[in-house]
Amino acid sequence: MKNLAEKSVRHWESLIVEFLDHLRIERRLSKHTIESYERNLTQFAKETGSESIGDTDVHQIRDYVRCLRMKALSPASIRQSLSCLRTFFDFQVRKNRIQLNPAKAVTGPKTAKKLPHVLDVDAVSNLVSSKSRKPTSLRNRALLELLYSSGLRLSEVVQLDIQDLDLNANIVYVLGKGKKQRVVPIGSLAKSAIQEWLASRHQVMPTDPLFTGRGSKRISERMVQIICRQVGLAVLGTDEVHPHLLRHCFASHLLESSGDLLAVQELLGHENIVTTEIYTHVDFQHLAKIYDQAHPRAKRDSK
């Protein structure tokens, strides 16, 4: 029995390692995402008891989800684990190791939609209003301006090279999730901040990273998070400013001004418009005010 168990563990380990290499090399997912996949898949492999991947069926997936519920994991965590399994088994189907994905028929617990917190326009303007001419201050301002101006994800802004910018056309070429490229406009204030930051650097090449840290190396995701938190604390008195908050502000403020959900979806790089629709809830009060002012049947008797 012990030899059989060890053989089963080795079987799953080799499959997981191959899958993680696929995520790292072919899909170029972030280190954080890959580590999350590894944790979830390793836990499933230990608890499923299947001798091989071919023996895993929908009942075992459901049992695993029930097990996660009993551990009092949040609905979001359980759905994330289930999503990892679906992606993993899809990969095994493509490799012709199994015919059907056993995780596709299993649904996770429903999660309540959380409305993203956003800053108002004045707060964001204050956040990027630094007048310091120090190189790090110029970099930080350009970084924050671009995050807000173009709504980029943290991983996207970190991976930008100078050649990804076309400042004459005021656009940036972004490689998003699933290695899908999209073209996003750059606002005039973000453009000026980027030009000042680039002018402060010496002998830059088109292939150099747009944002650098120590030793002129590409800035890390962690460093960008620290910059957002420190600037937020210094300017707004809060340590809750983070890169994704500026993406939320970009989407919410743009939708508030334009009302064009499809355009916002395109700019954010959302594959499904349902993901973008959450910003319509953020702006409900603004939209309700417009409705009260403009709709002929919304006007109340002033008597």
C-alpha atoms as a PDB file:
ATOM      1  CA  MET A   1       0.000   0.000   0.000  1.00  0.00           C
ATOM      2  CA  LYS A   2       2.859   2.376   0.832  1.00  0.00           C
ATOM      3  CA  ASN A   3       4.495   1.849  -2.572  1.00  0.00           C
ATOM      4  CA  LEU A   4       1.137   2.451  -4.241  1.00  0.00           C
ATOM      5  CA  ALA A   5       0.642   5.727  -2.330  1.00  0.00           C
ATOM      6  CA  GLU A   6       4.150   6.912  -3.172  1.00  0.00           C
ATOM      7  CA  LYS A   7       3.568   6.085  -6.832  1.00  0.00           C
ATOM      8  CA  SER A   8       0.324   8.099  -6.764  1.00  0.00           C
ATOM      9  CA  VAL A   9       2.074  11.121  -5.193  1.00  0.00           C
ATOM     10  CA  ARG A  10       4.845  11.028  -7.816  1.00  0.00           C
ATOM     11  CA  HIS A  11       2.218  10.768 -10.560  1.00  0.00           C
ATOM     12  CA  TRP A  12       0.433  13.935  -9.383  1.00  0.00           C
ATOM     13  CA  GLU A  13       3.677  15.804  -8.669  1.00  0.00           C
ATOM     14  CA  SER A  14       4.927  15.308 -12.224  1.00  0.00           C
ATOM     15  CA  LEU A  15       1.620  16.487 -13.694  1.00  0.00           C
ATOM     16  CA  ILE A  16       1.532  19.563 -11.469  1.00  0.00           C
ATOM     17  CA  VAL A  17       5.148  20.503 -12.271  1.00  0.00           C
ATOM     18  CA  GLU A  18       4.448  20.209 -16.004  1.00  0.00           C
ATOM     19  CA  PHE A  19       1.304  22.340 -15.666  1.00  0.00           C
ATOM     20  CA  LEU A  20       3.092  25.040 -13.631  1.00  0.00           C
ATOM     21  CA  ASP A  21       5.841  25.192 -16.278  1.00  0.00           C
ATOM     22  CA  HIS A  22       3.104  25.758 -18.847  1.00  0.00           C
ATOM     23  CA  LEU A  23       1.696  28.655 -16.794  1.00  0.00           C
ATOM     24  CA  ARG A  24       5.145  30.153 -16.285  1.00  0.00           C
ATOM     25  CA  ILE A  25       6.608  29.787 -19.797  1.00  0.00           C
ATOM     26  CA  GLU A  26       3.679  29.768 -22.210  1.00  0.00           C
ATOM     27  CA  ARG A  27       1.059  31.837 -20.390  1.00  0.00           C
ATOM     28  CA  ARG A  28       3.597  34.000 -18.542  1.00  0.00           C
ATOM     29  CA  LEU A  29       1.485  34.295 -15.434  1.00  0.00           C
ATOM     30  CA  SER A  30       2.819  36.100 -12.376  1.00  0.00           C
ATOM     31  CA  LYS A  31       4.806  34.337  -9.668  1.00  0.00           C
ATOM     32  CA  HIS A  32       2.007  34.996  -7.170  1.00  0.00           C
ATOM     33  CA  THR A  33      -0.608  33.368  -9.432  1.00  0.00           C
ATOM     34  CA  ILE A  34       1.573  30.318 -10.089  1.00  0.00           C
ATOM     35  CA  GLU A  35       2.191  29.844  -6.357  1.00  0.00           C
ATOM     36  CA  SER A  36      -1.573  29.969  -5.778  1.00  0.00           C
ATOM     37  CA  TYR A  37      -2.119  27.249  -8.404  1.00  0.00           C
ATOM     38  CA  GLU A  38       0.599  25.130  -6.835  1.00  0.00           C
ATOM     39  CA  ARG A  39      -0.912  25.366  -3.337  1.00  0.00           C
ATOM     40  CA  ASN A  40      -4.411  24.495  -4.504  1.00  0.00           C
ATOM     41  CA  LEU A  41      -3.389  21.614  -6.754  1.00  0.00           C
ATOM     42  CA  THR A  42      -1.014  20.094  -4.189  1.00  0.00           C
ATOM     43  CA  GLN A  43      -3.727  20.186  -1.539  1.00  0.00           C
ATOM     44  CA  PHE A  44      -6.210  18.526  -3.901  1.00  0.00           C
ATOM     45  CA  ALA A  45      -3.696  15.830  -4.869  1.00  0.00           C
ATOM     46  CA  LYS A  46      -3.081  14.975  -1.209  1.00  0.00           C
ATOM     47  CA  GLU A  47      -6.748  14.830  -0.265  1.00  0.00           C
ATOM     48  CA  THR A  48      -8.393  13.284  -3.316  1.00  0.00           C
ATOM     49  CA  GLY A  49      -6.918   9.802  -2.858  1.00  0.00           C
ATOM     50  CA  SER A  50      -6.960   9.080  -6.614  1.00  0.00           C
ATOM     51  CA  GLU A  51      -4.290   6.711  -7.766  1.00  0.00           C
ATOM     52  CA  SER A  52      -4.026   8.518 -11.098  1.00  0.00           C
ATOM     53  CA  ILE A  53      -5.597  11.487 -12.821  1.00  0.00           C
ATOM     54  CA  GLY A  54      -7.739   9.156 -14.926  1.00  0.00           C
ATOM     55  CA  ASP A  55      -9.505   7.925 -11.794  1.00  0.00           C
ATOM     56  CA  THR A  56     -10.643  11.412 -10.735  1.00  0.00           C
ATOM     57  CA  ASP A  57     -14.341  11.987 -11.317  1.00  0.00           C
ATOM     58  CA  VAL A  58     -16.971  14.642 -10.617  1.00  0.00           C
ATOM     59  CA  HIS A  59     -17.924  13.020  -7.293  1.00  0.00           C
ATOM     60  CA  GLN A  60     -14.398  13.465  -5.935  1.00  0.00           C
ATOM     61  CA  ILE A  61     -14.397  17.115  -6.985  1.00  0.00           C
ATOM     62  CA  ARG A  62     -17.698  17.660  -5.146  1.00  0.00           C
ATOM     63  CA  ASP A  63     -16.327  15.853  -2.078  1.00  0.00           C
ATOM     64  CA  TYR A  64     -13.295  18.124  -2.180  1.00  0.00           C
ATOM     65  CA  VAL A  65     -15.479  21.242  -2.336  1.00  0.00           C
ATOM     66  CA  ARG A  66     -17.467  19.952   0.659  1.00  0.00           C
ATOM     67  CA  CYS A  67     -14.189  19.384   2.480  1.00  0.00           C
ATOM     68  CA  LEU A  68     -13.190  22.995   1.847  1.00  0.00           C
ATOM     69  CA  ARG A  69     -16.575  24.153   3.169  1.00  0.00           C
ATOM     70  CA  MET A  70     -16.031  22.164   6.354  1.00  0.00           C
ATOM     71  CA  LYS A  71     -12.717  23.944   6.831  1.00  0.00           C
ATOM     72  CA  ALA A  72     -14.695  27.205   6.891  1.00  0.00           C
ATOM     73  CA  LEU A  73     -12.943  28.634   3.841  1.00  0.00           C
ATOM     74  CA  SER A  74     -14.581  31.700   2.345  1.00  0.00           C
ATOM     75  CA  PRO A  75     -16.753  31.260  -0.776  1.00  0.00           C
ATOM     76  CA  ALA A  76     -14.184  33.270  -2.757  1.00  0.00           C
ATOM     77  CA  SER A  77     -11.346  30.919  -1.707  1.00  0.00           C
ATOM     78  CA  ILE A  78     -13.386  27.843  -2.603  1.00  0.00           C
ATOM     79  CA  ARG A  79     -14.259  29.286  -6.006  1.00  0.00           C
ATOM     80  CA  GLN A  80     -10.602  30.072  -6.592  1.00  0.00           C
ATOM     81  CA  SER A  81      -9.629  26.483  -5.763  1.00  0.00           C
ATOM     82  CA  LEU A  82     -12.301  25.182  -8.116  1.00  0.00           C
ATOM     83  CA  SER A  83     -11.111  27.526 -10.859  1.00  0.00           C
ATOM     84  CA  CYS A  84      -7.570  26.162 -10.458  1.00  0.00           C
ATOM     85  CA  LEU A  85      -8.859  22.610 -10.837  1.00  0.00           C
ATOM     86  CA  ARG A  86     -10.861  23.464 -13.954  1.00  0.00           C
ATOM     87  CA  THR A  87      -7.821  25.043 -15.597  1.00  0.00           C
ATOM     88  CA  PHE A  88      -5.580  22.143 -14.592  1.00  0.00           C
ATOM     89  CA  PHE A  89      -7.952  19.471 -15.921  1.00  0.00           C
ATOM     90  CA  ASP A  90      -8.524  21.456 -19.135  1.00  0.00           C
ATOM     91  CA  PHE A  91      -4.780  21.226 -19.670  1.00  0.00           C
ATOM     92  CA  GLN A  92      -4.874  17.450 -19.119  1.00  0.00           C
ATOM     93  CA  VAL A  93      -7.709  17.138 -21.672  1.00  0.00           C
ATOM     94  CA  ARG A  94      -5.560  18.970 -24.232  1.00  0.00           C
ATOM     95  CA  LYS A  95      -2.745  16.545 -23.433  1.00  0.00           C
ATOM     96  CA  ASN A  96      -5.149  13.650 -24.158  1.00  0.00           C
ATOM     97  CA  ARG A  97      -4.667  12.175 -20.692  1.00  0.00           C
ATOM     98  CA  ILE A  98      -8.379  12.401 -19.911  1.00  0.00           C
ATOM     99  CA  GLN A  99     -11.435  12.838 -22.119  1.00  0.00           C
ATOM    100  CA  LEU A 100     -13.562  15.120 -19.959  1.00  0.00           C
ATOM    101  CA  ASN A 101     -12.863  17.769 -17.346  1.00  0.00           C
ATOM    102  CA  PRO A 102     -14.420  16.448 -14.089  1.00  0.00           C
ATOM    103  CA  ALA A 103     -14.385  19.911 -12.473  1.00  0.00           C
ATOM    104  CA  LYS A 104     -16.540  21.630 -15.100  1.00  0.00           C
ATOM    105  CA  ALA A 105     -19.786  20.170 -13.802  1.00  0.00           C
ATOM    106  CA  VAL A 106     -19.149  21.368 -10.241  1.00  0.00           C
ATOM    107  CA  THR A 107     -20.286  24.820  -9.169  1.00  0.00           C
ATOM    108  CA  GLY A 108     -18.775  26.746  -6.294  1.00  0.00           C
ATOM    109  CA  PRO A 109     -20.590  28.683  -3.589  1.00  0.00           C
ATOM    110  CA  LYS A 110     -22.018  32.054  -4.536  1.00  0.00           C
ATOM    111  CA  THR A 111     -20.125  35.103  -3.381  1.00  0.00           C
ATOM    112  CA  ALA A 112     -21.621  38.462  -2.591  1.00  0.00           C
ATOM    113  CA  LYS A 113     -20.464  41.132  -5.027  1.00  0.00           C
ATOM    114  CA  LYS A 114     -18.159  43.593  -3.355  1.00  0.00           C
ATOM    115  CA  LEU A 115     -18.265  47.098  -4.713  1.00  0.00           C
ATOM    116  CA  PRO A 116     -14.747  48.436  -5.222  1.00  0.00           C
ATOM    117  CA  HIS A 117     -13.836  51.441  -3.099  1.00  0.00           C
ATOM    118  CA  VAL A 118     -12.819  54.416  -5.221  1.00  0.00           C
ATOM    119  CA  LEU A 119     -11.292  57.819  -4.545  1.00  0.00           C
ATOM    120  CA  ASP A 120     -12.927  60.944  -5.896  1.00  0.00           C
ATOM    121  CA  VAL A 121     -11.256  62.900  -8.699  1.00  0.00           C
ATOM    122  CA  ASP A 122      -9.827  65.551  -6.361  1.00  0.00           C
ATOM    123  CA  ALA A 123      -8.205  62.909  -4.145  1.00  0.00           C
ATOM    124  CA  VAL A 124      -6.517  61.252  -7.132  1.00  0.00           C
ATOM    125  CA  SER A 125      -5.352  64.650  -8.405  1.00  0.00           C
ATOM    126  CA  ASN A 126      -3.748  65.349  -5.025  1.00  0.00           C
ATOM    127  CA  LEU A 127      -2.135  61.919  -5.079  1.00  0.00           C
ATOM    128  CA  VAL A 128      -0.206  62.684  -8.284  1.00  0.00           C
ATOM    129  CA  SER A 129       0.538  66.361  -7.598  1.00  0.00           C
ATOM    130  CA  SER A 130       4.143  66.018  -6.416  1.00  0.00           C
ATOM    131  CA  LYS A 131       6.362  68.905  -7.581  1.00  0.00           C
ATOM    132  CA  SER A 132       9.628  67.338  -6.462  1.00  0.00           C
ATOM    133  CA  ARG A 133      12.323  67.047  -9.149  1.00  0.00           C
ATOM    134  CA  LYS A 134      14.132  64.145  -7.519  1.00  0.00           C
ATOM    135  CA  PRO A 135      14.380  61.161  -9.912  1.00  0.00           C
ATOM    136  CA  THR A 136      12.453  58.855  -7.575  1.00  0.00           C
ATOM    137  CA  SER A 137       9.684  61.443  -7.205  1.00  0.00           C
ATOM    138  CA  LEU A 138       9.507  61.873 -10.984  1.00  0.00           C
ATOM    139  CA  ARG A 139       9.295  58.100 -11.361  1.00  0.00           C
ATOM    140  CA  ASN A 140       6.592  57.772  -8.719  1.00  0.00           C
ATOM    141  CA  ARG A 141       4.489  60.534 -10.244  1.00  0.00           C
ATOM    142  CA  ALA A 142       4.784  59.041 -13.736  1.00  0.00           C
ATOM    143  CA  LEU A 143       3.900  55.608 -12.364  1.00  0.00           C
ATOM    144  CA  LEU A 144       0.808  56.810 -10.505  1.00  0.00           C
ATOM    145  CA  GLU A 145      -0.301  58.999 -13.396  1.00  0.00           C
ATOM    146  CA  LEU A 146      -0.083  56.069 -15.829  1.00  0.00           C
ATOM    147  CA  LEU A 147      -1.918  53.668 -13.508  1.00  0.00           C
ATOM    148  CA  TYR A 148      -4.784  56.144 -13.203  1.00  0.00           C
ATOM    149  CA  SER A 149      -4.665  57.500 -16.763  1.00  0.00           C
ATOM    150  CA  SER A 150      -4.749  54.110 -18.488  1.00  0.00           C
ATOM    151  CA  GLY A 151      -6.225  51.751 -15.894  1.00  0.00           C
ATOM    152  CA  LEU A 152      -3.385  49.245 -16.138  1.00  0.00           C
ATOM    153  CA  ARG A 153      -3.049  46.172 -13.956  1.00  0.00           C
ATOM    154  CA  LEU A 154      -0.048  45.996 -11.637  1.00  0.00           C
ATOM    155  CA  SER A 155       1.555  43.183 -13.657  1.00  0.00           C
ATOM    156  CA  GLU A 156       1.010  45.128 -16.890  1.00  0.00           C
ATOM    157  CA  VAL A 157       2.649  48.365 -15.780  1.00  0.00           C
ATOM    158  CA  VAL A 158       5.664  46.523 -14.335  1.00  0.00           C
ATOM    159  CA  GLN A 159       6.315  44.683 -17.606  1.00  0.00           C
ATOM    160  CA  LEU A 160       6.249  47.789 -19.802  1.00  0.00           C
ATOM    161  CA  ASP A 161       9.366  48.678 -21.784  1.00  0.00           C
ATOM    162  CA  ILE A 162      10.061  52.132 -23.204  1.00  0.00           C
ATOM    163  CA  GLN A 163       9.369  50.816 -26.709  1.00  0.00           C
ATOM    164  CA  ASP A 164       5.815  49.924 -25.666  1.00  0.00           C
ATOM    165  CA  LEU A 165       5.019  53.655 -25.578  1.00  0.00           C
ATOM    166  CA  ASP A 166       4.070  55.782 -28.558  1.00  0.00           C
ATOM    167  CA  LEU A 167       4.073  59.240 -27.032  1.00  0.00           C
ATOM    168  CA  ASN A 168       3.478  60.881 -30.416  1.00  0.00           C
ATOM    169  CA  ALA A 169       0.174  59.022 -30.692  1.00  0.00           C
ATOM    170  CA  ASN A 170      -0.462  59.140 -26.906  1.00  0.00           C
ATOM    171  CA  ILE A 171      -0.907  55.359 -26.629  1.00  0.00           C
ATOM    172  CA  VAL A 172       0.675  52.431 -24.837  1.00  0.00           C
ATOM    173  CA  TYR A 173       0.751  48.827 -26.051  1.00  0.00           C
ATOM    174  CA  VAL A 174      -0.137  46.544 -23.147  1.00  0.00           C
ATOM    175  CA  LEU A 175       0.297  42.776 -22.881  1.00  0.00           C
ATOM    176  CA  GLY A 176      -2.568  41.689 -20.647  1.00  0.00           C
ATOM    177  CA  LYS A 177      -3.948  38.414 -19.318  1.00  0.00           C
ATOM    178  CA  GLY A 178      -3.660  35.457 -21.658  1.00  0.00           C
ATOM    179  CA  LYS A 179      -0.888  37.287 -23.575  1.00  0.00           C
ATOM    180  CA  LYS A 180      -3.542  39.430 -25.263  1.00  0.00           C
ATOM    181  CA  GLN A 181      -2.288  42.800 -26.454  1.00  0.00           C
ATOM    182  CA  ARG A 182      -4.454  45.890 -26.290  1.00  0.00           C
ATOM    183  CA  VAL A 183      -3.863  49.530 -27.110  1.00  0.00           C
ATOM    184  CA  VAL A 184      -4.709  52.028 -24.372  1.00  0.00           C
ATOM    185  CA  PRO A 185      -4.662  55.850 -24.543  1.00  0.00           C
ATOM    186  CA  ILE A 186      -2.310  57.868 -22.345  1.00  0.00           C
ATOM    187  CA  GLY A 187      -3.640  61.118 -20.891  1.00  0.00           C
ATOM    188  CA  SER A 188      -1.753  64.364 -21.453  1.00  0.00           C
ATOM    189  CA  LEU A 189      -0.743  64.711 -17.782  1.00  0.00           C
ATOM    190  CA  ALA A 190       0.524  61.125 -17.681  1.00  0.00           C
ATOM    191  CA  LYS A 191       2.434  61.737 -20.923  1.00  0.00           C
ATOM    192  CA  SER A 192       4.149  64.829 -19.466  1.00  0.00           C
ATOM    193  CA  ALA A 193       5.040  62.953 -16.272  1.00  0.00           C
ATOM    194  CA  ILE A 194       6.520  60.057 -18.271  1.00  0.00           C
ATOM    195  CA  GLN A 195       8.557  62.441 -20.445  1.00  0.00           C
ATOM    196  CA  GLU A 196       9.986  64.131 -17.342  1.00  0.00           C
ATOM    197  CA  TRP A 197      10.841  60.753 -15.827  1.00  0.00           C
ATOM    198  CA  LEU A 198      12.573  59.559 -19.013  1.00  0.00           C
ATOM    199  CA  ALA A 199      14.477  62.846 -19.318  1.00  0.00           C
ATOM    200  CA  SER A 200      15.921  62.287 -15.823  1.00  0.00           C
ATOM    201  CA  ARG A 201      17.480  58.988 -16.895  1.00  0.00           C
ATOM    202  CA  HIS A 202      20.747  58.595 -18.782  1.00  0.00           C
ATOM    203  CA  GLN A 203      21.382  56.643 -21.984  1.00  0.00           C
ATOM    204  CA  VAL A 204      18.061  54.839 -22.075  1.00  0.00           C
ATOM    205  CA  MET A 205      17.355  52.283 -24.802  1.00  0.00           C
ATOM    206  CA  PRO A 206      13.955  51.375 -26.294  1.00  0.00           C
ATOM    207  CA  THR A 207      14.254  47.891 -24.806  1.00  0.00           C
ATOM    208  CA  ASP A 208      14.888  49.227 -21.276  1.00  0.00           C
ATOM    209  CA  PRO A 209      12.139  48.888 -18.655  1.00  0.00           C
ATOM    210  CA  LEU A 210       9.870  51.929 -18.452  1.00  0.00           C
ATOM    211  CA  PHE A 211       9.972  51.922 -14.648  1.00  0.00           C
ATOM    212  CA  THR A 212      13.107  50.952 -12.786  1.00  0.00           C
ATOM    213  CA  GLY A 213      14.180  50.444  -9.200  1.00  0.00           C
ATOM    214  CA  ARG A 214      17.577  49.967  -7.676  1.00  0.00           C
ATOM    215  CA  GLY A 215      20.447  49.461 -10.072  1.00  0.00           C
ATOM    216  CA  SER A 216      18.247  50.473 -13.019  1.00  0.00           C
ATOM    217  CA  LYS A 217      16.603  47.058 -12.892  1.00  0.00           C
ATOM    218  CA  ARG A 218      12.929  46.600 -13.706  1.00  0.00           C
ATOM    219  CA  ILE A 219      10.775  47.718 -10.813  1.00  0.00           C
ATOM    220  CA  SER A 220       9.099  44.911  -8.864  1.00  0.00           C
ATOM    221  CA  GLU A 221       5.379  44.549  -8.236  1.00  0.00           C
ATOM    222  CA  ARG A 222       6.064  44.737  -4.514  1.00  0.00           C
ATOM    223  CA  MET A 223       7.900  48.052  -4.932  1.00  0.00           C
ATOM    224  CA  VAL A 224       4.965  49.553  -6.857  1.00  0.00           C
ATOM    225  CA  GLN A 225       2.642  48.512  -4.025  1.00  0.00           C
ATOM    226  CA  ILE A 226       4.953  50.150  -1.480  1.00  0.00           C
ATOM    227  CA  ILE A 227       5.095  53.377  -3.515  1.00  0.00           C
ATOM    228  CA  CYS A 228       1.294  53.574  -3.706  1.00  0.00           C
ATOM    229  CA  ARG A 229       0.940  52.985   0.024  1.00  0.00           C
ATOM    230  CA  GLN A 230       3.641  55.494   0.994  1.00  0.00           C
ATOM    231  CA  VAL A 231       2.348  58.250  -1.309  1.00  0.00           C
ATOM    232  CA  GLY A 232      -1.212  57.617  -0.137  1.00  0.00           C
ATOM    233  CA  LEU A 233      -0.127  57.890   3.469  1.00  0.00           C
ATOM    234  CA  ALA A 234       1.873  61.071   2.879  1.00  0.00           C
ATOM    235  CA  VAL A 235      -0.721  62.873   0.728  1.00  0.00           C
ATOM    236  CA  LEU A 236      -4.113  61.493   1.775  1.00  0.00           C
ATOM    237  CA  GLY A 237      -3.353  60.180   5.250  1.00  0.00           C
ATOM    238  CA  THR A 238      -4.336  56.611   4.368  1.00  0.00           C
ATOM    239  CA  ASP A 239      -2.254  53.493   3.779  1.00  0.00           C
ATOM    240  CA  GLU A 240      -5.026  51.854   1.733  1.00  0.00           C
ATOM    241  CA  VAL A 241      -3.943  53.187  -1.663  1.00  0.00           C
ATOM    242  CA  HIS A 242      -2.831  50.338  -3.938  1.00  0.00           C
ATOM    243  CA  PRO A 243      -2.327  49.885  -7.719  1.00  0.00           C
ATOM    244  CA  HIS A 244      -5.681  48.181  -8.260  1.00  0.00           C
ATOM    245  CA  LEU A 245      -7.460  51.033  -6.482  1.00  0.00           C
ATOM    246  CA  LEU A 246      -6.203  53.386  -9.189  1.00  0.00           C
ATOM    247  CA  ARG A 247      -7.525  50.956 -11.814  1.00  0.00           C
ATOM    248  CA  HIS A 248     -10.909  51.060 -10.046  1.00  0.00           C
ATOM    249  CA  CYS A 249     -10.782  54.874 -10.050  1.00  0.00           C
ATOM    250  CA  PHE A 250      -9.947  54.906 -13.760  1.00  0.00           C
ATOM    251  CA  ALA A 251     -12.926  52.691 -14.599  1.00  0.00           C
ATOM    252  CA  SER A 252     -15.395  54.384 -12.286  1.00  0.00           C
ATOM    253  CA  HIS A 253     -14.510  57.952 -13.266  1.00  0.00           C
ATOM    254  CA  LEU A 254     -14.489  57.101 -16.979  1.00  0.00           C
ATOM    255  CA  LEU A 255     -17.845  55.354 -16.793  1.00  0.00           C
ATOM    256  CA  GLU A 256     -19.282  58.215 -14.775  1.00  0.00           C
ATOM    257  CA  SER A 257     -18.281  60.709 -17.461  1.00  0.00           C
ATOM    258  CA  SER A 258     -19.008  58.657 -20.580  1.00  0.00           C
ATOM    259  CA  GLY A 259     -21.635  56.060 -19.656  1.00  0.00           C
ATOM    260  CA  ASP A 260     -20.025  53.778 -22.272  1.00  0.00           C
ATOM    261  CA  LEU A 261     -19.684  50.379 -20.608  1.00  0.00           C
ATOM    262  CA  LEU A 262     -18.329  48.630 -23.724  1.00  0.00           C
ATOM    263  CA  ALA A 263     -15.542  51.183 -24.123  1.00  0.00           C
ATOM    264  CA  VAL A 264     -14.543  50.799 -20.472  1.00  0.00           C
ATOM    265  CA  GLN A 265     -14.541  47.011 -20.899  1.00  0.00           C
ATOM    266  CA  GLU A 266     -12.199  47.311 -23.886  1.00  0.00           C
ATOM    267  CA  LEU A 267      -9.825  49.682 -22.116  1.00  0.00           C
ATOM    268  CA  LEU A 268      -9.656  47.495 -18.992  1.00  0.00           C
ATOM    269  CA  GLY A 269      -9.035  44.355 -21.050  1.00  0.00           C
ATOM    270  CA  HIS A 270     -11.972  42.506 -19.490  1.00  0.00           C
ATOM    271  CA  GLU A 271     -12.917  39.404 -21.469  1.00  0.00           C
ATOM    272  CA  ASN A 272     -16.419  39.342 -20.007  1.00  0.00           C
ATOM    273  CA  ILE A 273     -18.544  42.468 -19.696  1.00  0.00           C
ATOM    274  CA  VAL A 274     -20.029  41.071 -16.459  1.00  0.00           C
ATOM    275  CA  THR A 275     -16.689  41.892 -14.809  1.00  0.00           C
ATOM    276  CA  THR A 276     -16.985  45.503 -15.958  1.00  0.00           C
ATOM    277  CA  GLU A 277     -20.606  45.845 -14.895  1.00  0.00           C
ATOM    278  CA  ILE A 278     -19.632  46.105 -11.229  1.00  0.00           C
ATOM    279  CA  TYR A 279     -18.626  49.717 -11.905  1.00  0.00           C
ATOM    280  CA  THR A 280     -22.205  50.550 -12.875  1.00  0.00           C
ATOM    281  CA  HIS A 281     -23.145  49.892  -9.221  1.00  0.00           C
ATOM    282  CA  VAL A 282     -20.398  52.207  -8.000  1.00  0.00           C
ATOM    283  CA  ASP A 283     -21.880  55.038 -10.049  1.00  0.00           C
ATOM    284  CA  PHE A 284     -25.529  54.358  -9.261  1.00  0.00           C
ATOM    285  CA  GLN A 285     -25.980  57.525  -7.211  1.00  0.00           C
ATOM    286  CA  HIS A 286     -24.539  59.616 -10.025  1.00  0.00           C
ATOM    287  CA  LEU A 287     -26.758  57.907 -12.600  1.00  0.00           C
ATOM    288  CA  ALA A 288     -29.816  58.251 -10.362  1.00  0.00           C
ATOM    289  CA  LYS A 289     -29.173  61.983 -10.096  1.00  0.00           C
ATOM    290  CA  ILE A 290     -29.030  62.273 -13.892  1.00  0.00           C
ATOM    291  CA  TYR A 291     -32.242  60.257 -14.138  1.00  0.00           C
ATOM    292  CA  ASP A 292     -34.037  62.546 -11.675  1.00  0.00           C
ATOM    293  CA  GLN A 293     -32.913  65.603 -13.613  1.00  0.00           C
ATOM    294  CA  ALA A 294     -33.513  64.343 -17.138  1.00  0.00           C
ATOM    295  CA  HIS A 295     -36.329  61.778 -17.278  1.00  0.00           C
ATOM    296  CA  PRO A 296     -39.738  63.385 -17.858  1.00  0.00           C
ATOM    297  CA  ARG A 297     -41.522  60.860 -15.642  1.00  0.00           C
ATOM    298  CA  ALA A 298     -39.016  61.241 -12.795  1.00  0.00           C
ATOM    299  CA  LYS A 299     -39.855  64.851 -12.055  1.00  0.00           C
ATOM    300  CA  ARG A 300     -41.873  65.269  -8.894  1.00  0.00           C
ATOM    301  CA  ASP A 301     -44.558  67.822  -8.253  1.00  0.00           C
ATOM    302  CA  SER A 302     -42.890  70.802  -6.556  1.00  0.00           C
ATOM    303  CA  LYS A 303     -46.049  71.687  -4.613  1.00  0.00           C
END
